[in-house]
Protein backbone atom coordinates (compact mmCIF):
# COMPACT_ATOMS: atom_id res chain seq x y z
CA UNK A 1 -24.75 -0.55 3.40
CA UNK A 2 -24.35 3.20 3.81
CA UNK A 3 -21.69 5.24 2.00
CA UNK A 4 -19.45 5.42 5.08
CA UNK A 5 -19.11 1.64 5.25
CA UNK A 6 -19.47 0.77 1.55
CA UNK A 7 -15.84 0.58 0.46
CA UNK A 8 -16.67 -0.29 -3.14
CA UNK A 9 -18.51 2.98 -3.78
CA UNK A 10 -17.40 6.58 -3.25
CA UNK A 11 -14.63 7.09 -0.73
CA UNK A 12 -16.23 7.26 2.69
CA UNK A 13 -14.82 8.67 5.89
CA UNK A 14 -12.60 6.51 8.07
CA UNK A 15 -13.11 6.20 11.80
CA UNK A 16 -10.72 8.35 13.79
CA UNK A 17 -9.54 6.73 16.99
CA UNK A 18 -7.74 9.76 18.48
CA UNK A 19 -10.36 12.45 17.92
CA UNK A 20 -9.63 15.99 18.99
CA UNK A 21 -5.86 15.75 18.72
CA UNK A 22 -4.02 18.04 16.30
CA UNK A 23 -1.80 15.18 15.06
CA UNK A 24 -4.61 12.64 14.75
CA UNK A 25 -4.97 12.69 10.92
CA UNK A 26 -1.26 11.94 10.55
CA UNK A 27 -1.41 9.13 13.10
CA UNK A 28 -4.52 7.60 11.54
CA UNK A 29 -3.04 7.71 8.04
CA UNK A 30 0.30 6.30 9.17
CA UNK A 31 -1.53 3.43 10.90
CA UNK A 32 -2.97 2.49 7.49
CA UNK A 33 0.22 2.69 5.41
CA UNK A 34 2.94 2.85 8.05
CA UNK A 35 4.17 -0.73 7.74
CA UNK A 36 7.30 -1.22 5.68
CA UNK A 37 5.76 -2.77 2.56
CA UNK A 38 2.31 -1.14 2.58
CA UNK A 39 3.22 2.07 0.71
CA UNK A 40 5.33 0.07 -1.76
CA UNK A 41 2.42 -2.27 -2.52
CA UNK A 42 0.04 0.66 -2.97
CA UNK A 43 2.60 2.38 -5.21
CA UNK A 44 3.05 -0.73 -7.37
CA UNK A 45 -0.72 -1.15 -7.74
CA UNK A 46 -1.00 2.53 -8.70
CA UNK A 47 1.77 2.12 -11.27
CA UNK A 48 0.86 -1.29 -12.72
CA UNK A 49 -2.87 -1.61 -12.04
CA UNK A 50 -4.55 -4.82 -10.88
CA UNK A 51 -1.98 -7.58 -10.44
CA UNK A 52 -1.82 -11.24 -9.58
CA UNK A 53 0.17 -12.33 -6.53
CA UNK A 54 3.28 -13.46 -8.45
CA UNK A 55 3.23 -10.39 -10.66
CA UNK A 56 2.96 -8.17 -7.60
CA UNK A 57 5.79 -10.07 -5.91
CA UNK A 58 8.00 -9.31 -8.94
CA UNK A 59 7.10 -5.61 -8.71
CA UNK A 60 7.79 -5.52 -4.94
CA UNK A 61 11.39 -6.66 -5.13
CA UNK A 62 12.77 -8.01 -1.87
CA UNK A 63 9.53 -8.98 -0.13
CA UNK A 64 8.97 -12.59 0.89
CA UNK A 65 5.80 -14.41 -0.16
CA UNK A 66 4.66 -14.63 3.47
CA UNK A 67 5.18 -10.92 4.15
CA UNK A 68 3.47 -9.96 0.87
CA UNK A 69 0.52 -12.23 1.67
CA UNK A 70 0.21 -10.83 5.21
CA UNK A 71 0.53 -7.26 3.92
CA UNK A 72 -2.15 -7.80 1.28
CA UNK A 73 -4.45 -9.31 3.92
CA UNK A 74 -3.86 -6.28 6.15
CA UNK A 75 -4.44 -3.81 3.30
CA UNK A 76 -7.61 -5.68 2.36
CA UNK A 77 -8.82 -5.58 5.97
CA UNK A 78 -8.18 -1.81 5.98
CA UNK A 79 -10.25 -1.48 2.77
CA UNK A 80 -7.31 -0.24 0.69
CA UNK A 81 -6.97 -3.34 -1.52
CA UNK A 82 -9.56 -5.62 -3.12
CA UNK A 83 -8.89 -9.33 -3.64
CA UNK A 84 -10.76 -10.78 -6.60
CA UNK A 85 -10.79 -14.52 -7.26
CA UNK A 86 -10.76 -15.23 -10.98
CA UNK A 87 -12.65 -18.39 -11.91
CA UNK A 88 -10.03 -20.11 -14.00
CA UNK A 89 -8.11 -23.32 -13.57
CA UNK A 90 -5.96 -22.99 -11.62
CA UNK A 91 -7.83 -20.38 -9.61
CA UNK A 92 -6.01 -17.07 -9.68
CA UNK A 93 -6.34 -14.00 -7.51
CA UNK A 94 -6.09 -10.41 -8.73
CA UNK A 95 -5.35 -7.54 -6.34
CA UNK A 96 -6.46 -3.99 -7.03
CA UNK A 97 -6.85 -0.75 -5.13
CA UNK A 98 -10.20 0.25 -3.70
CA UNK A 99 -11.38 3.85 -3.92
CA UNK A 100 -9.71 4.41 -0.54
CA UNK A 101 -6.48 2.91 -1.85
CA UNK A 102 -6.54 5.03 -5.01
CA UNK A 103 -7.19 8.13 -2.92
CA UNK A 104 -3.70 7.62 -1.42
CA UNK A 105 -2.13 8.44 -4.81
CA UNK A 106 -1.03 12.00 -3.88
CA UNK A 107 0.39 10.76 -0.56
CA UNK A 108 2.35 7.90 -2.16
CA UNK A 109 3.66 10.11 -4.97
CA UNK A 110 4.64 12.82 -2.47
CA UNK A 111 6.65 10.16 -0.58
CA UNK A 112 8.30 9.10 -3.86
CA UNK A 113 9.07 12.69 -4.84
CA UNK A 114 10.52 13.49 -1.41
CA UNK A 115 12.76 10.43 -1.66
CA UNK A 116 13.93 11.39 -5.14
CA UNK A 117 14.81 14.86 -3.90
CA UNK A 118 16.48 13.98 -0.60
CA UNK A 119 17.93 10.46 -0.81
CA UNK A 120 21.05 9.28 -2.53
CA UNK A 121 22.43 5.88 -3.40
CA UNK A 122 25.01 4.49 -0.95
CA UNK A 123 28.65 4.74 -1.92
CA UNK A 124 29.38 1.22 -3.15
CA UNK A 125 33.13 1.85 -2.70
CA UNK A 126 32.54 2.24 1.05
CA UNK A 127 31.16 -1.10 2.42
CA UNK A 128 30.11 0.53 5.69
CA UNK A 129 27.85 2.98 3.80
CA UNK A 130 25.59 0.14 2.62
CA UNK A 131 24.74 -0.86 6.21
CA UNK A 132 23.63 2.64 7.21
């Protein structure tokens, strides 16, 4: 396998599907992490390191098992997450970030920092504020 397709080695280049467009890098990146739970999963794996499914589900509060499983499958398909089967009884699975996944660290932390700077908790005294 060459370096561009070997996702276990150094971070290779990803195929661009909208070449020549000024906004293409943003579109390509958002297609990788643009789903609701994807950046949260990457963030939790950055923060907590390799995690089993149940441990990851605890760290990603509010996600259903089905959505977490589908999201992990999608992130694995996009070469951002590795799924390692641990040979124990019962068989367990450990999820970790690939080199590509770890390379998203500055992007994920920039998203976190922007949220910390610009978002505020809803006013719990105003029930309509929670639905916004």
